[in-house]
Amino acid sequence: MKDLDDGRIPDLVLKELLIFVTGADAVPPPGFTSALPISFYDMENDVKRLPYTSTCNMSLSVARGLQEPKNFNELMYGTTLGCFGFGKC
């Protein structure tokens, strides 16, 4: 999120990430009920599965083994921009 704020990830804005994770294009007036839970999964047979979300429980799942922040940023960038975003992206 800091990379978004600092402009280090071009062509991606916080609103698009919010839509990807929550399905909402704006923070509701009372805010969200909890912090975003992040879970980790093991990559199977070294297949790089993209990060994914569940908008029902507003959670983010990310593969283990992405030690380099650059790898994580690239995956999140591609995944977020490649999502349909409920027609909001």
PDB file of N, CA and C in Angstrom:
ATOM      1  N   MET A   1       0.830  -1.174   0.000  1.00  0.00           N
ATOM      2  CA  MET A   1       0.000   0.000   0.000  1.00  0.00           C
ATOM      3  C   MET A   1       0.881   1.247   0.000  1.00  0.00           C
ATOM      4  N   LYS A   2       1.984   1.172   0.716  1.00  0.00           N
ATOM      5  CA  LYS A   2       2.892   2.315   0.733  1.00  0.00           C
ATOM      6  C   LYS A   2       3.445   2.575  -0.673  1.00  0.00           C
ATOM      7  N   ASP A   3       3.720   1.500  -1.419  1.00  0.00           N
ATOM      8  CA  ASP A   3       4.208   1.677  -2.784  1.00  0.00           C
ATOM      9  C   ASP A   3       3.177   2.388  -3.640  1.00  0.00           C
ATOM     10  N   LEU A   4       1.899   2.128  -3.410  1.00  0.00           N
ATOM     11  CA  LEU A   4       0.849   2.841  -4.145  1.00  0.00           C
ATOM     12  C   LEU A   4       0.854   4.314  -3.780  1.00  0.00           C
ATOM     13  N   ASP A   5       0.913   4.583  -2.489  1.00  0.00           N
ATOM     14  CA  ASP A   5       0.925   5.970  -2.019  1.00  0.00           C
ATOM     15  C   ASP A   5       2.130   6.743  -2.558  1.00  0.00           C
ATOM     16  N   ASP A   6       3.277   6.061  -2.649  1.00  0.00           N
ATOM     17  CA  ASP A   6       4.506   6.710  -3.110  1.00  0.00           C
ATOM     18  C   ASP A   6       4.612   6.766  -4.625  1.00  0.00           C
ATOM     19  N   GLY A   7       3.657   6.166  -5.335  1.00  0.00           N
ATOM     20  CA  GLY A   7       3.681   6.185  -6.789  1.00  0.00           C
ATOM     21  C   GLY A   7       4.692   5.250  -7.407  1.00  0.00           C
ATOM     22  N   ARG A   8       5.160   4.252  -6.639  1.00  0.00           N
ATOM     23  CA  ARG A   8       6.162   3.324  -7.161  1.00  0.00           C
ATOM     24  C   ARG A   8       5.556   2.208  -7.999  1.00  0.00           C
ATOM     25  N   ILE A   9       4.238   2.112  -8.028  1.00  0.00           N
ATOM     26  CA  ILE A   9       3.568   1.126  -8.875  1.00  0.00           C
ATOM     27  C   ILE A   9       2.725   1.909  -9.869  1.00  0.00           C
ATOM     28  N   PRO A  10       3.248   2.085 -11.074  1.00  0.00           N
ATOM     29  CA  PRO A  10       2.525   2.912 -12.062  1.00  0.00           C
ATOM     30  C   PRO A  10       1.236   2.232 -12.523  1.00  0.00           C
ATOM     31  N   ASP A  11       0.299   3.019 -12.934  1.00  0.00           N
ATOM     32  CA  ASP A  11      -0.963   2.545 -13.521  1.00  0.00           C
ATOM     33  C   ASP A  11      -1.856   1.785 -12.550  1.00  0.00           C
ATOM     34  N   LEU A  12      -1.582   1.842 -11.282  1.00  0.00           N
ATOM     35  CA  LEU A  12      -2.439   1.186 -10.296  1.00  0.00           C
ATOM     36  C   LEU A  12      -2.770   2.192  -9.213  1.00  0.00           C
ATOM     37  N   VAL A  13      -4.021   2.299  -8.889  1.00  0.00           N
ATOM     38  CA  VAL A  13      -4.430   3.235  -7.847  1.00  0.00           C
ATOM     39  C   VAL A  13      -5.078   2.454  -6.713  1.00  0.00           C
ATOM     40  N   LEU A  14      -5.110   3.057  -5.556  1.00  0.00           N
ATOM     41  CA  LEU A  14      -5.641   2.415  -4.363  1.00  0.00           C
ATOM     42  C   LEU A  14      -7.076   1.934  -4.584  1.00  0.00           C
ATOM     43  N   LYS A  15      -7.862   2.692  -5.330  1.00  0.00           N
ATOM     44  CA  LYS A  15      -9.257   2.306  -5.584  1.00  0.00           C
ATOM     45  C   LYS A  15      -9.325   0.934  -6.261  1.00  0.00           C
ATOM     46  N   GLU A  16      -8.430   0.666  -7.211  1.00  0.00           N
ATOM     47  CA  GLU A  16      -8.432  -0.628  -7.901  1.00  0.00           C
ATOM     48  C   GLU A  16      -8.078  -1.763  -6.950  1.00  0.00           C
ATOM     49  N   LEU A  17      -7.144  -1.521  -6.054  1.00  0.00           N
ATOM     50  CA  LEU A  17      -6.795  -2.537  -5.066  1.00  0.00           C
ATOM     51  C   LEU A  17      -7.961  -2.765  -4.112  1.00  0.00           C
ATOM     52  N   LEU A  18      -8.631  -1.710  -3.710  1.00  0.00           N
ATOM     53  CA  LEU A  18      -9.794  -1.815  -2.837  1.00  0.00           C
ATOM     54  C   LEU A  18     -10.891  -2.648  -3.499  1.00  0.00           C
ATOM     55  N   ILE A  19     -11.137  -2.417  -4.772  1.00  0.00           N
ATOM     56  CA  ILE A  19     -12.146  -3.195  -5.497  1.00  0.00           C
ATOM     57  C   ILE A  19     -11.734  -4.661  -5.569  1.00  0.00           C
ATOM     58  N   PHE A  20     -10.476  -4.921  -5.850  1.00  0.00           N
ATOM     59  CA  PHE A  20      -9.983  -6.289  -5.958  1.00  0.00           C
ATOM     60  C   PHE A  20     -10.181  -7.051  -4.653  1.00  0.00           C
ATOM     61  N   VAL A  21      -9.878  -6.426  -3.540  1.00  0.00           N
ATOM     62  CA  VAL A  21      -9.922  -7.115  -2.248  1.00  0.00           C
ATOM     63  C   VAL A  21     -11.327  -7.152  -1.649  1.00  0.00           C
ATOM     64  N   THR A  22     -12.087  -6.075  -1.791  1.00  0.00           N
ATOM     65  CA  THR A  22     -13.367  -5.985  -1.074  1.00  0.00           C
ATOM     66  C   THR A  22     -14.598  -6.021  -1.968  1.00  0.00           C
ATOM     67  N   GLY A  23     -14.437  -5.695  -3.235  1.00  0.00           N
ATOM     68  CA  GLY A  23     -15.589  -5.568  -4.118  1.00  0.00           C
ATOM     69  C   GLY A  23     -16.239  -4.201  -4.023  1.00  0.00           C
ATOM     70  N   ALA A  24     -15.758  -3.361  -3.130  1.00  0.00           N
ATOM     71  CA  ALA A  24     -16.300  -2.010  -2.955  1.00  0.00           C
ATOM     72  C   ALA A  24     -15.372  -1.004  -3.610  1.00  0.00           C
ATOM     73  N   ASP A  25     -15.953   0.038  -4.210  1.00  0.00           N
ATOM     74  CA  ASP A  25     -15.099   1.044  -4.832  1.00  0.00           C
ATOM     75  C   ASP A  25     -14.832   2.245  -3.935  1.00  0.00           C
ATOM     76  N   ALA A  26     -15.319   2.170  -2.697  1.00  0.00           N
ATOM     77  CA  ALA A  26     -15.049   3.221  -1.707  1.00  0.00           C
ATOM     78  C   ALA A  26     -15.176   2.609  -0.313  1.00  0.00           C
ATOM     79  N   VAL A  27     -14.479   3.194   0.627  1.00  0.00           N
ATOM     80  CA  VAL A  27     -14.599   2.744   2.014  1.00  0.00           C
ATOM     81  C   VAL A  27     -15.975   3.179   2.519  1.00  0.00           C
ATOM     82  N   PRO A  28     -16.752   2.263   3.109  1.00  0.00           N
ATOM     83  CA  PRO A  28     -18.068   2.652   3.609  1.00  0.00           C
ATOM     84  C   PRO A  28     -17.944   3.696   4.725  1.00  0.00           C
ATOM     85  N   PRO A  29     -18.936   4.571   4.894  1.00  0.00           N
ATOM     86  CA  PRO A  29     -18.857   5.621   5.922  1.00  0.00           C
ATOM     87  C   PRO A  29     -18.484   5.107   7.316  1.00  0.00           C
ATOM     88  N   PRO A  30     -19.031   3.958   7.777  1.00  0.00           N
ATOM     89  CA  PRO A  30     -18.606   3.495   9.105  1.00  0.00           C
ATOM     90  C   PRO A  30     -17.275   2.757   9.084  1.00  0.00           C
ATOM     91  N   GLY A  31     -16.663   2.606   7.907  1.00  0.00           N
ATOM     92  CA  GLY A  31     -15.408   1.867   7.793  1.00  0.00           C
ATOM     93  C   GLY A  31     -15.678   0.381   7.642  1.00  0.00           C
ATOM     94  N   PHE A  32     -14.631  -0.397   7.589  1.00  0.00           N
ATOM     95  CA  PHE A  32     -14.764  -1.843   7.521  1.00  0.00           C
ATOM     96  C   PHE A  32     -14.790  -2.397   8.934  1.00  0.00           C
ATOM     97  N   THR A  33     -15.416  -3.548   9.107  1.00  0.00           N
ATOM     98  CA  THR A  33     -15.603  -4.098  10.454  1.00  0.00           C
ATOM     99  C   THR A  33     -14.336  -4.703  11.049  1.00  0.00           C
ATOM    100  N   SER A  34     -13.366  -5.054  10.199  1.00  0.00           N
ATOM    101  CA  SER A  34     -12.134  -5.643  10.729  1.00  0.00           C
ATOM    102  C   SER A  34     -10.979  -5.360   9.777  1.00  0.00           C
ATOM    103  N   ALA A  35      -9.800  -5.688  10.250  1.00  0.00           N
ATOM    104  CA  ALA A  35      -8.613  -5.560   9.404  1.00  0.00           C
ATOM    105  C   ALA A  35      -8.644  -6.665   8.354  1.00  0.00           C
ATOM    106  N   LEU A  36      -7.963  -6.453   7.266  1.00  0.00           N
ATOM    107  CA  LEU A  36      -7.920  -7.422   6.185  1.00  0.00           C
ATOM    108  C   LEU A  36      -7.082  -8.632   6.593  1.00  0.00           C
ATOM    109  N   PRO A  37      -7.724  -9.813   6.686  1.00  0.00           N
ATOM    110  CA  PRO A  37      -6.921 -11.000   6.999  1.00  0.00           C
ATOM    111  C   PRO A  37      -6.137 -11.448   5.772  1.00  0.00           C
ATOM    112  N   ILE A  38      -4.899 -11.817   5.979  1.00  0.00           N
ATOM    113  CA  ILE A  38      -4.054 -12.327   4.903  1.00  0.00           C
ATOM    114  C   ILE A  38      -3.653 -13.743   5.267  1.00  0.00           C
ATOM    115  N   SER A  39      -3.907 -14.668   4.343  1.00  0.00           N
ATOM    116  CA  SER A  39      -3.504 -16.049   4.564  1.00  0.00           C
ATOM    117  C   SER A  39      -2.466 -16.432   3.515  1.00  0.00           C
ATOM    118  N   PHE A  40      -1.711 -17.467   3.811  1.00  0.00           N
ATOM    119  CA  PHE A  40      -0.641 -17.902   2.929  1.00  0.00           C
ATOM    120  C   PHE A  40      -0.866 -19.352   2.537  1.00  0.00           C
ATOM    121  N   TYR A  41      -0.548 -19.686   1.307  1.00  0.00           N
ATOM    122  CA  TYR A  41      -0.690 -21.057   0.836  1.00  0.00           C
ATOM    123  C   TYR A  41       0.617 -21.491   0.196  1.00  0.00           C
ATOM    124  N   ASP A  42       0.830 -22.810   0.166  1.00  0.00           N
ATOM    125  CA  ASP A  42       2.026 -23.363  -0.458  1.00  0.00           C
ATOM    126  C   ASP A  42       1.801 -23.501  -1.954  1.00  0.00           C
ATOM    127  N   MET A  43       2.816 -23.157  -2.726  1.00  0.00           N
ATOM    128  CA  MET A  43       2.730 -23.327  -4.170  1.00  0.00           C
ATOM    129  C   MET A  43       2.859 -24.817  -4.476  1.00  0.00           C
ATOM    130  N   GLU A  44       2.023 -25.312  -5.358  1.00  0.00           N
ATOM    131  CA  GLU A  44       2.043 -26.720  -5.715  1.00  0.00           C
ATOM    132  C   GLU A  44       2.898 -26.929  -6.950  1.00  0.00           C
ATOM    133  N   ASN A  45       3.890 -27.831  -6.836  1.00  0.00           N
ATOM    134  CA  ASN A  45       4.766 -28.169  -7.959  1.00  0.00           C
ATOM    135  C   ASN A  45       5.409 -26.928  -8.587  1.00  0.00           C
ATOM    136  N   ASP A  46       5.764 -25.970  -7.747  1.00  0.00           N
ATOM    137  CA  ASP A  46       6.406 -24.722  -8.194  1.00  0.00           C
ATOM    138  C   ASP A  46       5.576 -23.939  -9.200  1.00  0.00           C
ATOM    139  N   VAL A  47       4.276 -24.193  -9.233  1.00  0.00           N
ATOM    140  CA  VAL A  47       3.398 -23.415 -10.097  1.00  0.00           C
ATOM    141  C   VAL A  47       3.089 -22.119  -9.371  1.00  0.00           C
ATOM    142  N   LYS A  48       3.347 -21.003 -10.016  1.00  0.00           N
ATOM    143  CA  LYS A  48       3.097 -19.707  -9.388  1.00  0.00           C
ATOM    144  C   LYS A  48       1.625 -19.346  -9.541  1.00  0.00           C
ATOM    145  N   ARG A  49       0.889 -19.552  -8.510  1.00  0.00           N
ATOM    146  CA  ARG A  49      -0.517 -19.184  -8.519  1.00  0.00           C
ATOM    147  C   ARG A  49      -0.627 -17.727  -8.110  1.00  0.00           C
ATOM    148  N   LEU A  50      -1.472 -17.013  -8.779  1.00  0.00           N
ATOM    149  CA  LEU A  50      -1.651 -15.599  -8.469  1.00  0.00           C
ATOM    150  C   LEU A  50      -2.318 -15.417  -7.113  1.00  0.00           C
ATOM    151  N   PRO A  51      -2.028 -14.308  -6.445  1.00  0.00           N
ATOM    152  CA  PRO A  51      -2.767 -13.987  -5.226  1.00  0.00           C
ATOM    153  C   PRO A  51      -4.253 -13.899  -5.558  1.00  0.00           C
ATOM    154  N   TYR A  52      -5.090 -14.252  -4.599  1.00  0.00           N
ATOM    155  CA  TYR A  52      -6.529 -14.179  -4.830  1.00  0.00           C
ATOM    156  C   TYR A  52      -7.227 -13.670  -3.583  1.00  0.00           C
ATOM    157  N   THR A  53      -8.437 -13.201  -3.780  1.00  0.00           N
ATOM    158  CA  THR A  53      -9.205 -12.657  -2.663  1.00  0.00           C
ATOM    159  C   THR A  53     -10.554 -13.335  -2.568  1.00  0.00           C
ATOM    160  N   SER A  54     -11.159 -13.174  -1.415  1.00  0.00           N
ATOM    161  CA  SER A  54     -12.553 -13.548  -1.203  1.00  0.00           C
ATOM    162  C   SER A  54     -13.252 -12.276  -0.772  1.00  0.00           C
ATOM    163  N   THR A  55     -14.100 -11.766  -1.643  1.00  0.00           N
ATOM    164  CA  THR A  55     -14.787 -10.522  -1.296  1.00  0.00           C
ATOM    165  C   THR A  55     -15.889 -10.758  -0.284  1.00  0.00           C
ATOM    166  N   CYS A  56     -16.293 -12.026  -0.095  1.00  0.00           N
ATOM    167  CA  CYS A  56     -17.327 -12.317   0.916  1.00  0.00           C
ATOM    168  C   CYS A  56     -16.798 -12.071   2.325  1.00  0.00           C
ATOM    169  N   ASN A  57     -15.584 -12.534   2.592  1.00  0.00           N
ATOM    170  CA  ASN A  57     -15.020 -12.307   3.928  1.00  0.00           C
ATOM    171  C   ASN A  57     -13.843 -11.346   3.895  1.00  0.00           C
ATOM    172  N   MET A  58     -13.662 -10.676   2.760  1.00  0.00           N
ATOM    173  CA  MET A  58     -12.607  -9.682   2.568  1.00  0.00           C
ATOM    174  C   MET A  58     -11.258 -10.181   3.071  1.00  0.00           C
ATOM    175  N   SER A  59     -10.762 -11.233   2.425  1.00  0.00           N
ATOM    176  CA  SER A  59      -9.457 -11.769   2.783  1.00  0.00           C
ATOM    177  C   SER A  59      -8.588 -11.881   1.547  1.00  0.00           C
ATOM    178  N   LEU A  60      -7.293 -11.835   1.753  1.00  0.00           N
ATOM    179  CA  LEU A  60      -6.311 -11.928   0.684  1.00  0.00           C
ATOM    180  C   LEU A  60      -5.471 -13.166   0.942  1.00  0.00           C
ATOM    181  N   SER A  61      -5.257 -13.985  -0.107  1.00  0.00           N
ATOM    182  CA  SER A  61      -4.421 -15.179  -0.004  1.00  0.00           C
ATOM    183  C   SER A  61      -3.232 -15.025  -0.931  1.00  0.00           C
ATOM    184  N   VAL A  62      -2.052 -15.294  -0.395  1.00  0.00           N
ATOM    185  CA  VAL A  62      -0.801 -15.087  -1.117  1.00  0.00           C
ATOM    186  C   VAL A  62       0.060 -16.332  -0.960  1.00  0.00           C
ATOM    187  N   ALA A  63       0.791 -16.693  -2.024  1.00  0.00           N
ATOM    188  CA  ALA A  63       1.674 -17.854  -1.982  1.00  0.00           C
ATOM    189  C   ALA A  63       2.861 -17.610  -1.058  1.00  0.00           C
ATOM    190  N   ARG A  64       3.267 -18.669  -0.357  1.00  0.00           N
ATOM    191  CA  ARG A  64       4.505 -18.612   0.411  1.00  0.00           C
ATOM    192  C   ARG A  64       5.677 -18.656  -0.568  1.00  0.00           C
ATOM    193  N   GLY A  65       6.799 -18.168  -0.133  1.00  0.00           N
ATOM    194  CA  GLY A  65       8.002 -18.268  -0.933  1.00  0.00           C
ATOM    195  C   GLY A  65       8.272 -17.053  -1.806  1.00  0.00           C
ATOM    196  N   LEU A  66       7.526 -16.004  -1.633  1.00  0.00           N
ATOM    197  CA  LEU A  66       7.781 -14.780  -2.392  1.00  0.00           C
ATOM    198  C   LEU A  66       8.608 -13.845  -1.510  1.00  0.00           C
ATOM    199  N   GLN A  67       9.877 -14.210  -1.315  1.00  0.00           N
ATOM    200  CA  GLN A  67      10.711 -13.452  -0.394  1.00  0.00           C
ATOM    201  C   GLN A  67      11.025 -12.046  -0.880  1.00  0.00           C
ATOM    202  N   GLU A  68      11.122 -11.864  -2.165  1.00  0.00           N
ATOM    203  CA  GLU A  68      11.480 -10.562  -2.702  1.00  0.00           C
ATOM    204  C   GLU A  68      10.247  -9.672  -2.824  1.00  0.00           C
ATOM    205  N   PRO A  69      10.274  -8.479  -2.236  1.00  0.00           N
ATOM    206  CA  PRO A  69       9.129  -7.571  -2.374  1.00  0.00           C
ATOM    207  C   PRO A  69       8.782  -7.284  -3.833  1.00  0.00           C
ATOM    208  N   LYS A  70       9.793  -7.255  -4.704  1.00  0.00           N
ATOM    209  CA  LYS A  70       9.544  -6.987  -6.117  1.00  0.00           C
ATOM    210  C   LYS A  70       8.629  -8.068  -6.701  1.00  0.00           C
ATOM    211  N   ASN A  71       8.863  -9.340  -6.340  1.00  0.00           N
ATOM    212  CA  ASN A  71       8.021 -10.432  -6.837  1.00  0.00           C
ATOM    213  C   ASN A  71       6.586 -10.249  -6.376  1.00  0.00           C
ATOM    214  N   PHE A  72       6.413  -9.892  -5.126  1.00  0.00           N
ATOM    215  CA  PHE A  72       5.064  -9.687  -4.593  1.00  0.00           C
ATOM    216  C   PHE A  72       4.378  -8.524  -5.311  1.00  0.00           C
ATOM    217  N   ASN A  73       5.092  -7.420  -5.474  1.00  0.00           N
ATOM    218  CA  ASN A  73       4.516  -6.254  -6.149  1.00  0.00           C
ATOM    219  C   ASN A  73       4.101  -6.591  -7.577  1.00  0.00           C
ATOM    220  N   GLU A  74       4.954  -7.326  -8.288  1.00  0.00           N
ATOM    221  CA  GLU A  74       4.632  -7.697  -9.666  1.00  0.00           C
ATOM    222  C   GLU A  74       3.395  -8.578  -9.729  1.00  0.00           C
ATOM    223  N   LEU A  75       3.301  -9.562  -8.831  1.00  0.00           N
ATOM    224  CA  LEU A  75       2.137 -10.435  -8.820  1.00  0.00           C
ATOM    225  C   LEU A  75       0.864  -9.673  -8.470  1.00  0.00           C
ATOM    226  N   MET A  76       0.940  -8.826  -7.453  1.00  0.00           N
ATOM    227  CA  MET A  76      -0.254  -8.060  -7.057  1.00  0.00           C
ATOM    228  C   MET A  76      -0.668  -7.086  -8.155  1.00  0.00           C
ATOM    229  N   TYR A  77       0.307  -6.485  -8.793  1.00  0.00           N
ATOM    230  CA  TYR A  77       0.027  -5.551  -9.887  1.00  0.00           C
ATOM    231  C   TYR A  77      -0.712  -6.264 -11.017  1.00  0.00           C
ATOM    232  N   GLY A  78      -0.157  -7.377 -11.473  1.00  0.00           N
ATOM    233  CA  GLY A  78      -0.774  -8.125 -12.565  1.00  0.00           C
ATOM    234  C   GLY A  78      -2.132  -8.684 -12.200  1.00  0.00           C
ATOM    235  N   THR A  79      -2.249  -9.181 -10.991  1.00  0.00           N
ATOM    236  CA  THR A  79      -3.513  -9.762 -10.548  1.00  0.00           C
ATOM    237  C   THR A  79      -4.589  -8.696 -10.411  1.00  0.00           C
ATOM    238  N   THR A  80      -4.250  -7.584  -9.815  1.00  0.00           N
ATOM    239  CA  THR A  80      -5.228  -6.518  -9.601  1.00  0.00           C
ATOM    240  C   THR A  80      -5.702  -5.925 -10.927  1.00  0.00           C
ATOM    241  N   LEU A  81      -4.774  -5.656 -11.826  1.00  0.00           N
ATOM    242  CA  LEU A  81      -5.156  -5.081 -13.110  1.00  0.00           C
ATOM    243  C   LEU A  81      -5.842  -6.097 -14.018  1.00  0.00           C
ATOM    244  N   GLY A  82      -5.596  -7.387 -13.775  1.00  0.00           N
ATOM    245  CA  GLY A  82      -6.194  -8.421 -14.608  1.00  0.00           C
ATOM    246  C   GLY A  82      -7.566  -8.881 -14.128  1.00  0.00           C
ATOM    247  N   CYS A  83      -8.009  -8.387 -12.993  1.00  0.00           N
ATOM    248  CA  CYS A  83      -9.305  -8.820 -12.470  1.00  0.00           C
ATOM    249  C   CYS A  83     -10.426  -8.067 -13.170  1.00  0.00           C
ATOM    250  N   PHE A  84     -11.607  -8.633 -13.099  1.00  0.00           N
ATOM    251  CA  PHE A  84     -12.760  -7.969 -13.704  1.00  0.00           C
ATOM    252  C   PHE A  84     -13.284  -6.848 -12.816  1.00  0.00           C
ATOM    253  N   GLY A  85     -13.068  -6.937 -11.521  1.00  0.00           N
ATOM    254  CA  GLY A  85     -13.419  -5.858 -10.612  1.00  0.00           C
ATOM    255  C   GLY A  85     -14.891  -5.522 -10.559  1.00  0.00           C
ATOM    256  N   PHE A  86     -15.740  -6.512 -10.786  1.00  0.00           N
ATOM    257  CA  PHE A  86     -17.186  -6.309 -10.713  1.00  0.00           C
ATOM    258  C   PHE A  86     -17.652  -5.202 -11.652  1.00  0.00           C
ATOM    259  N   GLY A  87     -16.914  -5.020 -12.733  1.00  0.00           N
ATOM    260  CA  GLY A  87     -17.259  -3.974 -13.679  1.00  0.00           C
ATOM    261  C   GLY A  87     -16.909  -2.579 -13.198  1.00  0.00           C
ATOM    262  N   LYS A  88     -16.142  -2.484 -12.089  1.00  0.00           N
ATOM    263  CA  LYS A  88     -15.802  -1.180 -11.520  1.00  0.00           C
ATOM    264  C   LYS A  88     -14.409  -0.736 -11.904  1.00  0.00           C
ATOM    265  N   CYS A  89     -13.562  -1.652 -12.369  1.00  0.00           N
ATOM    266  CA  CYS A  89     -12.178  -1.308 -12.749  1.00  0.00           C
ATOM    267  C   CYS A  89     -12.157  -0.810 -14.175  1.00  0.00           C
TER     268      CYS A  89
END
